[in-house]
Amino acid sequence: MSQAKVDRYKQEKANRKKTMARERRLHALAVVCGWLVAIAIAGWAGVSAYHIYENNKPVETIYADLGAINDYMDSLNGEE
């Protein structure tokens, strides 16, 4: 090997711990970002599905016989 290659190898070997630590940090950051994106997508899908479910639920209609109230109101209006 040439002297330049030997010097470069020694320098890389001396900085190997720093380089490996930086690579581990970058890998951990990539993993965390990937999980955050996956959680965000899953949350968005869950909220969207919930809104679709709520919008498609049938509306409960209640019917009441108001005949007695109408008769009472008519009797009040008739006395005037």
PDB file of N, CA and C in Angstrom:
ATOM      1  N   MET A   1       0.847  -1.178   0.000  1.00  0.00           N
ATOM      2  CA  MET A   1       0.000   0.000   0.000  1.00  0.00           C
ATOM      3  C   MET A   1       0.892   1.240   0.000  1.00  0.00           C
ATOM      4  N   SER A   2       0.329   2.273  -0.593  1.00  0.00           N
ATOM      5  CA  SER A   2       1.081   3.529  -0.594  1.00  0.00           C
ATOM      6  C   SER A   2       0.955   4.201   0.769  1.00  0.00           C
ATOM      7  N   GLN A   3       1.815   5.131   1.001  1.00  0.00           N
ATOM      8  CA  GLN A   3       1.812   5.835   2.291  1.00  0.00           C
ATOM      9  C   GLN A   3       0.509   6.612   2.486  1.00  0.00           C
ATOM     10  N   ALA A   4      -0.066   7.150   1.415  1.00  0.00           N
ATOM     11  CA  ALA A   4      -1.324   7.898   1.518  1.00  0.00           C
ATOM     12  C   ALA A   4      -2.453   6.980   1.984  1.00  0.00           C
ATOM     13  N   LYS A   5      -2.497   5.756   1.441  1.00  0.00           N
ATOM     14  CA  LYS A   5      -3.524   4.800   1.844  1.00  0.00           C
ATOM     15  C   LYS A   5      -3.353   4.405   3.306  1.00  0.00           C
ATOM     16  N   VAL A   6      -2.113   4.200   3.720  1.00  0.00           N
ATOM     17  CA  VAL A   6      -1.833   3.834   5.107  1.00  0.00           C
ATOM     18  C   VAL A   6      -2.260   4.959   6.040  1.00  0.00           C
ATOM     19  N   ASP A   7      -1.952   6.181   5.705  1.00  0.00           N
ATOM     20  CA  ASP A   7      -2.342   7.328   6.543  1.00  0.00           C
ATOM     21  C   ASP A   7      -3.861   7.471   6.610  1.00  0.00           C
ATOM     22  N   ARG A   8      -4.515   7.288   5.457  1.00  0.00           N
ATOM     23  CA  ARG A   8      -5.986   7.390   5.432  1.00  0.00           C
ATOM     24  C   ARG A   8      -6.609   6.287   6.282  1.00  0.00           C
ATOM     25  N   TYR A   9      -6.066   5.081   6.213  1.00  0.00           N
ATOM     26  CA  TYR A   9      -6.581   3.971   7.012  1.00  0.00           C
ATOM     27  C   TYR A   9      -6.409   4.252   8.500  1.00  0.00           C
ATOM     28  N   LYS A  10      -5.269   4.774   8.891  1.00  0.00           N
ATOM     29  CA  LYS A  10      -5.024   5.089  10.305  1.00  0.00           C
ATOM     30  C   LYS A  10      -5.982   6.181  10.785  1.00  0.00           C
ATOM     31  N   GLN A  11      -6.231   7.156   9.940  1.00  0.00           N
ATOM     32  CA  GLN A  11      -7.151   8.235  10.321  1.00  0.00           C
ATOM     33  C   GLN A  11      -8.587   7.704  10.455  1.00  0.00           C
ATOM     34  N   GLU A  12      -8.992   6.842   9.514  1.00  0.00           N
ATOM     35  CA  GLU A  12     -10.331   6.251   9.600  1.00  0.00           C
ATOM     36  C   GLU A  12     -10.455   5.378  10.842  1.00  0.00           C
ATOM     37  N   LYS A  13      -9.400   4.650  11.169  1.00  0.00           N
ATOM     38  CA  LYS A  13      -9.427   3.792  12.352  1.00  0.00           C
ATOM     39  C   LYS A  13      -9.506   4.627  13.621  1.00  0.00           C
ATOM     40  N   ALA A  14      -8.830   5.767  13.633  1.00  0.00           N
ATOM     41  CA  ALA A  14      -8.859   6.636  14.811  1.00  0.00           C
ATOM     42  C   ALA A  14     -10.238   7.266  15.001  1.00  0.00           C
ATOM     43  N   ASN A  15     -10.936   7.529  13.920  1.00  0.00           N
ATOM     44  CA  ASN A  15     -12.258   8.177  13.992  1.00  0.00           C
ATOM     45  C   ASN A  15     -13.409   7.173  13.890  1.00  0.00           C
ATOM     46  N   ARG A  16     -13.090   5.900  13.967  1.00  0.00           N
ATOM     47  CA  ARG A  16     -14.123   4.881  13.769  1.00  0.00           C
ATOM     48  C   ARG A  16     -15.225   4.956  14.827  1.00  0.00           C
ATOM     49  N   LYS A  17     -14.893   5.225  16.079  1.00  0.00           N
ATOM     50  CA  LYS A  17     -15.908   5.301  17.136  1.00  0.00           C
ATOM     51  C   LYS A  17     -16.873   6.444  16.872  1.00  0.00           C
ATOM     52  N   LYS A  18     -16.341   7.599  16.491  1.00  0.00           N
ATOM     53  CA  LYS A  18     -17.202   8.743  16.190  1.00  0.00           C
ATOM     54  C   LYS A  18     -18.103   8.448  14.989  1.00  0.00           C
ATOM     55  N   THR A  19     -17.521   7.841  13.977  1.00  0.00           N
ATOM     56  CA  THR A  19     -18.288   7.527  12.772  1.00  0.00           C
ATOM     57  C   THR A  19     -19.397   6.530  13.071  1.00  0.00           C
ATOM     58  N   MET A  20     -19.072   5.496  13.808  1.00  0.00           N
ATOM     59  CA  MET A  20     -20.070   4.489  14.159  1.00  0.00           C
ATOM     60  C   MET A  20     -21.166   5.074  15.043  1.00  0.00           C
ATOM     61  N   ALA A  21     -20.798   5.939  15.978  1.00  0.00           N
ATOM     62  CA  ALA A  21     -21.791   6.569  16.851  1.00  0.00           C
ATOM     63  C   ALA A  21     -22.732   7.442  16.024  1.00  0.00           C
ATOM     64  N   ARG A  22     -22.189   8.185  15.076  1.00  0.00           N
ATOM     65  CA  ARG A  22     -23.014   9.033  14.220  1.00  0.00           C
ATOM     66  C   ARG A  22     -23.955   8.183  13.378  1.00  0.00           C
ATOM     67  N   GLU A  23     -23.467   7.083  12.836  1.00  0.00           N
ATOM     68  CA  GLU A  23     -24.307   6.194  12.037  1.00  0.00           C
ATOM     69  C   GLU A  23     -25.414   5.579  12.880  1.00  0.00           C
ATOM     70  N   ARG A  24     -25.106   5.216  14.131  1.00  0.00           N
ATOM     71  CA  ARG A  24     -26.141   4.669  15.022  1.00  0.00           C
ATOM     72  C   ARG A  24     -27.209   5.723  15.307  1.00  0.00           C
ATOM     73  N   ARG A  25     -26.769   6.968  15.557  1.00  0.00           N
ATOM     74  CA  ARG A  25     -27.743   8.044  15.821  1.00  0.00           C
ATOM     75  C   ARG A  25     -28.637   8.280  14.609  1.00  0.00           C
ATOM     76  N   LEU A  26     -28.042   8.315  13.432  1.00  0.00           N
ATOM     77  CA  LEU A  26     -28.836   8.524  12.219  1.00  0.00           C
ATOM     78  C   LEU A  26     -29.805   7.370  11.987  1.00  0.00           C
ATOM     79  N   HIS A  27     -29.366   6.151  12.267  1.00  0.00           N
ATOM     80  CA  HIS A  27     -30.255   4.998  12.120  1.00  0.00           C
ATOM     81  C   HIS A  27     -31.412   5.079  13.118  1.00  0.00           C
ATOM     82  N   ALA A  28     -31.104   5.427  14.359  1.00  0.00           N
ATOM     83  CA  ALA A  28     -32.157   5.549  15.380  1.00  0.00           C
ATOM     84  C   ALA A  28     -33.134   6.650  15.001  1.00  0.00           C
ATOM     85  N   LEU A  29     -32.627   7.768  14.494  1.00  0.00           N
ATOM     86  CA  LEU A  29     -33.497   8.860  14.068  1.00  0.00           C
ATOM     87  C   LEU A  29     -34.401   8.426  12.922  1.00  0.00           C
ATOM     88  N   ALA A  30     -33.868   7.670  11.981  1.00  0.00           N
ATOM     89  CA  ALA A  30     -34.670   7.173  10.866  1.00  0.00           C
ATOM     90  C   ALA A  30     -35.758   6.224  11.351  1.00  0.00           C
ATOM     91  N   VAL A  31     -35.423   5.367  12.305  1.00  0.00           N
ATOM     92  CA  VAL A  31     -36.409   4.427  12.844  1.00  0.00           C
ATOM     93  C   VAL A  31     -37.524   5.189  13.574  1.00  0.00           C
ATOM     94  N   VAL A  32     -37.160   6.160  14.391  1.00  0.00           N
ATOM     95  CA  VAL A  32     -38.160   6.931  15.138  1.00  0.00           C
ATOM     96  C   VAL A  32     -39.064   7.696  14.177  1.00  0.00           C
ATOM     97  N   CYS A  33     -38.474   8.323  13.166  1.00  0.00           N
ATOM     98  CA  CYS A  33     -39.288   9.051  12.183  1.00  0.00           C
ATOM     99  C   CYS A  33     -40.218   8.103  11.431  1.00  0.00           C
ATOM    100  N   GLY A  34     -39.738   6.934  11.107  1.00  0.00           N
ATOM    101  CA  GLY A  34     -40.581   5.945  10.431  1.00  0.00           C
ATOM    102  C   GLY A  34     -41.759   5.528  11.291  1.00  0.00           C
ATOM    103  N   TRP A  35     -41.502   5.292  12.571  1.00  0.00           N
ATOM    104  CA  TRP A  35     -42.601   4.928  13.483  1.00  0.00           C
ATOM    105  C   TRP A  35     -43.597   6.068  13.636  1.00  0.00           C
ATOM    106  N   LEU A  36     -43.107   7.298  13.724  1.00  0.00           N
ATOM    107  CA  LEU A  36     -44.020   8.439  13.843  1.00  0.00           C
ATOM    108  C   LEU A  36     -44.912   8.568  12.614  1.00  0.00           C
ATOM    109  N   VAL A  37     -44.338   8.376  11.447  1.00  0.00           N
ATOM    110  CA  VAL A  37     -45.130   8.437  10.213  1.00  0.00           C
ATOM    111  C   VAL A  37     -46.154   7.309  10.194  1.00  0.00           C
ATOM    112  N   ALA A  38     -45.749   6.115  10.583  1.00  0.00           N
ATOM    113  CA  ALA A  38     -46.672   4.977  10.598  1.00  0.00           C
ATOM    114  C   ALA A  38     -47.810   5.203  11.587  1.00  0.00           C
ATOM    115  N   ILE A  39     -47.496   5.742  12.757  1.00  0.00           N
ATOM    116  CA  ILE A  39     -48.533   6.023  13.761  1.00  0.00           C
ATOM    117  C   ILE A  39     -49.471   7.114  13.264  1.00  0.00           C
ATOM    118  N   ALA A  40     -48.929   8.128  12.615  1.00  0.00           N
ATOM    119  CA  ALA A  40     -49.765   9.207  12.086  1.00  0.00           C
ATOM    120  C   ALA A  40     -50.718   8.683  11.014  1.00  0.00           C
ATOM    121  N   ILE A  41     -50.227   7.819  10.144  1.00  0.00           N
ATOM    122  CA  ILE A  41     -51.081   7.258   9.092  1.00  0.00           C
ATOM    123  C   ILE A  41     -52.167   6.373   9.704  1.00  0.00           C
ATOM    124  N   ALA A  42     -51.801   5.551  10.679  1.00  0.00           N
ATOM    125  CA  ALA A  42     -52.785   4.684  11.333  1.00  0.00           C
ATOM    126  C   ALA A  42     -53.825   5.514  12.077  1.00  0.00           C
ATOM    127  N   GLY A  43     -53.394   6.579  12.746  1.00  0.00           N
ATOM    128  CA  GLY A  43     -54.343   7.451  13.445  1.00  0.00           C
ATOM    129  C   GLY A  43     -55.281   8.140  12.484  1.00  0.00           C
ATOM    130  N   TRP A  44     -54.748   8.631  11.373  1.00  0.00           N
ATOM    131  CA  TRP A  44     -55.576   9.299  10.376  1.00  0.00           C
ATOM    132  C   TRP A  44     -56.601   8.319   9.807  1.00  0.00           C
ATOM    133  N   ALA A  45     -56.173   7.092   9.526  1.00  0.00           N
ATOM    134  CA  ALA A  45     -57.094   6.086   8.997  1.00  0.00           C
ATOM    135  C   ALA A  45     -58.179   5.756  10.020  1.00  0.00           C
ATOM    136  N   GLY A  46     -57.814   5.673  11.291  1.00  0.00           N
ATOM    137  CA  GLY A  46     -58.801   5.383  12.329  1.00  0.00           C
ATOM    138  C   GLY A  46     -59.821   6.494  12.480  1.00  0.00           C
ATOM    139  N   VAL A  47     -59.364   7.735  12.477  1.00  0.00           N
ATOM    140  CA  VAL A  47     -60.280   8.867  12.599  1.00  0.00           C
ATOM    141  C   VAL A  47     -61.190   8.941  11.384  1.00  0.00           C
ATOM    142  N   SER A  48     -60.641   8.727  10.201  1.00  0.00           N
ATOM    143  CA  SER A  48     -61.451   8.755   8.985  1.00  0.00           C
ATOM    144  C   SER A  48     -62.511   7.656   9.016  1.00  0.00           C
ATOM    145  N   ALA A  49     -62.123   6.469   9.435  1.00  0.00           N
ATOM    146  CA  ALA A  49     -63.084   5.366   9.508  1.00  0.00           C
ATOM    147  C   ALA A  49     -64.176   5.667  10.529  1.00  0.00           C
ATOM    148  N   TYR A  50     -63.807   6.269  11.651  1.00  0.00           N
ATOM    149  CA  TYR A  50     -64.799   6.609  12.663  1.00  0.00           C
ATOM    150  C   TYR A  50     -65.787   7.633  12.128  1.00  0.00           C
ATOM    151  N   HIS A  51     -65.302   8.659  11.416  1.00  0.00           N
ATOM    152  CA  HIS A  51     -66.196   9.673  10.859  1.00  0.00           C
ATOM    153  C   HIS A  51     -67.120   9.074   9.800  1.00  0.00           C
ATOM    154  N   ILE A  52     -66.609   8.179   8.980  1.00  0.00           N
ATOM    155  CA  ILE A  52     -67.454   7.523   7.975  1.00  0.00           C
ATOM    156  C   ILE A  52     -68.522   6.689   8.671  1.00  0.00           C
ATOM    157  N   TYR A  53     -68.140   5.973   9.718  1.00  0.00           N
ATOM    158  CA  TYR A  53     -69.105   5.160  10.460  1.00  0.00           C
ATOM    159  C   TYR A  53     -70.186   6.033  11.092  1.00  0.00           C
ATOM    160  N   GLU A  54     -69.777   7.134  11.715  1.00  0.00           N
ATOM    161  CA  GLU A  54     -70.744   8.014  12.376  1.00  0.00           C
ATOM    162  C   GLU A  54     -71.682   8.676  11.361  1.00  0.00           C
ATOM    163  N   ASN A  55     -71.172   9.043  10.196  1.00  0.00           N
ATOM    164  CA  ASN A  55     -72.007   9.686   9.186  1.00  0.00           C
ATOM    165  C   ASN A  55     -72.978   8.722   8.531  1.00  0.00           C
ATOM    166  N   ASN A  56     -72.679   7.432   8.528  1.00  0.00           N
ATOM    167  CA  ASN A  56     -73.549   6.449   7.892  1.00  0.00           C
ATOM    168  C   ASN A  56     -74.530   5.800   8.863  1.00  0.00           C
ATOM    169  N   LYS A  57     -74.471   6.152  10.133  1.00  0.00           N
ATOM    170  CA  LYS A  57     -75.424   5.584  11.086  1.00  0.00           C
ATOM    171  C   LYS A  57     -76.812   6.127  10.794  1.00  0.00           C
ATOM    172  N   PRO A  58     -77.836   5.286  10.918  1.00  0.00           N
ATOM    173  CA  PRO A  58     -79.192   5.790  10.692  1.00  0.00           C
ATOM    174  C   PRO A  58     -79.606   6.751  11.815  1.00  0.00           C
ATOM    175  N   VAL A  59     -80.361   7.760  11.427  1.00  0.00           N
ATOM    176  CA  VAL A  59     -80.824   8.750  12.389  1.00  0.00           C
ATOM    177  C   VAL A  59     -82.079   8.202  13.061  1.00  0.00           C
ATOM    178  N   GLU A  60     -82.104   8.247  14.380  1.00  0.00           N
ATOM    179  CA  GLU A  60     -83.257   7.747  15.115  1.00  0.00           C
ATOM    180  C   GLU A  60     -84.338   8.816  15.129  1.00  0.00           C
ATOM    181  N   THR A  61     -85.509   8.468  14.594  1.00  0.00           N
ATOM    182  CA  THR A  61     -86.623   9.404  14.532  1.00  0.00           C
ATOM    183  C   THR A  61     -87.669   8.995  15.564  1.00  0.00           C
ATOM    184  N   ILE A  62     -88.137   9.971  16.304  1.00  0.00           N
ATOM    185  CA  ILE A  62     -89.159   9.715  17.323  1.00  0.00           C
ATOM    186  C   ILE A  62     -90.432  10.430  16.896  1.00  0.00           C
ATOM    187  N   TYR A  63     -91.519   9.688  16.871  1.00  0.00           N
ATOM    188  CA  TYR A  63     -92.811  10.253  16.522  1.00  0.00           C
ATOM    189  C   TYR A  63     -93.640  10.374  17.786  1.00  0.00           C
ATOM    190  N   ALA A  64     -94.356  11.487  17.906  1.00  0.00           N
ATOM    191  CA  ALA A  64     -95.201  11.697  19.079  1.00  0.00           C
ATOM    192  C   ALA A  64     -96.572  12.174  18.611  1.00  0.00           C
ATOM    193  N   ASP A  65     -97.588  11.755  19.331  1.00  0.00           N
ATOM    194  CA  ASP A  65     -98.956  12.188  19.035  1.00  0.00           C
ATOM    195  C   ASP A  65     -99.193  13.499  19.766  1.00  0.00           C
ATOM    196  N   LEU A  66     -99.321  14.581  19.018  1.00  0.00           N
ATOM    197  CA  LEU A  66     -99.506  15.906  19.597  1.00  0.00           C
ATOM    198  C   LEU A  66    -100.956  16.367  19.519  1.00  0.00           C
ATOM    199  N   GLY A  67    -101.862  15.443  19.296  1.00  0.00           N
ATOM    200  CA  GLY A  67    -103.284  15.796  19.170  1.00  0.00           C
ATOM    201  C   GLY A  67    -103.820  16.462  20.428  1.00  0.00           C
ATOM    202  N   ALA A  68    -103.499  15.948  21.606  1.00  0.00           N
ATOM    203  CA  ALA A  68    -104.010  16.509  22.856  1.00  0.00           C
ATOM    204  C   ALA A  68    -103.463  17.925  23.062  1.00  0.00           C
ATOM    205  N   ILE A  69    -102.234  18.163  22.749  1.00  0.00           N
ATOM    206  CA  ILE A  69    -101.647  19.506  22.909  1.00  0.00           C
ATOM    207  C   ILE A  69    -102.281  20.472  21.923  1.00  0.00           C
ATOM    208  N   ASN A  70    -102.498  20.020  20.696  1.00  0.00           N
ATOM    209  CA  ASN A  70    -103.139  20.891  19.703  1.00  0.00           C
ATOM    210  C   ASN A  70    -104.560  21.244  20.124  1.00  0.00           C
ATOM    211  N   ASP A  71    -105.314  20.276  20.659  1.00  0.00           N
ATOM    212  CA  ASP A  71    -106.674  20.543  21.133  1.00  0.00           C
ATOM    213  C   ASP A  71    -106.655  21.560  22.274  1.00  0.00           C
ATOM    214  N   TYR A  72    -105.712  21.422  23.188  1.00  0.00           N
ATOM    215  CA  TYR A  72    -105.596  22.351  24.306  1.00  0.00           C
ATOM    216  C   TYR A  72    -105.263  23.755  23.816  1.00  0.00           C
ATOM    217  N   MET A  73    -104.335  23.864  22.871  1.00  0.00           N
ATOM    218  CA  MET A  73    -103.965  25.171  22.331  1.00  0.00           C
ATOM    219  C   MET A  73    -105.140  25.808  21.583  1.00  0.00           C
ATOM    220  N   ASP A  74    -105.905  24.979  20.864  1.00  0.00           N
ATOM    221  CA  ASP A  74    -107.077  25.506  20.166  1.00  0.00           C
ATOM    222  C   ASP A  74    -108.121  26.002  21.148  1.00  0.00           C
ATOM    223  N   SER A  75    -108.249  25.296  22.270  1.00  0.00           N
ATOM    224  CA  SER A  75    -109.232  25.739  23.269  1.00  0.00           C
ATOM    225  C   SER A  75    -108.795  27.040  23.904  1.00  0.00           C
ATOM    226  N   LEU A  76    -107.522  27.262  24.091  1.00  0.00           N
ATOM    227  CA  LEU A  76    -107.026  28.539  24.638  1.00  0.00           C
ATOM    228  C   LEU A  76    -107.239  29.671  23.658  1.00  0.00           C
ATOM    229  N   ASN A  77    -107.003  29.412  22.386  1.00  0.00           N
ATOM    230  CA  ASN A  77    -107.176  30.457  21.377  1.00  0.00           C
ATOM    231  C   ASN A  77    -108.653  30.770  21.141  1.00  0.00           C
ATOM    232  N   GLY A  78    -109.534  29.814  21.347  1.00  0.00           N
ATOM    233  CA  GLY A  78    -110.964  30.021  21.121  1.00  0.00           C
ATOM    234  C   GLY A  78    -111.615  30.897  22.180  1.00  0.00           C
ATOM    235  N   GLU A  79    -111.084  30.981  23.376  1.00  0.00           N
ATOM    236  CA  GLU A  79    -111.678  31.749  24.456  1.00  0.00           C
ATOM    237  C   GLU A  79    -111.455  33.238  24.288  1.00  0.00           C
ATOM    238  N   GLU A  80    -110.496  33.645  23.520  1.00  0.00           N
ATOM    239  CA  GLU A  80    -110.186  35.061  23.376  1.00  0.00           C
ATOM    240  C   GLU A  80    -111.158  35.757  22.563  1.00  0.00           C
TER     241      GLU A  80
END
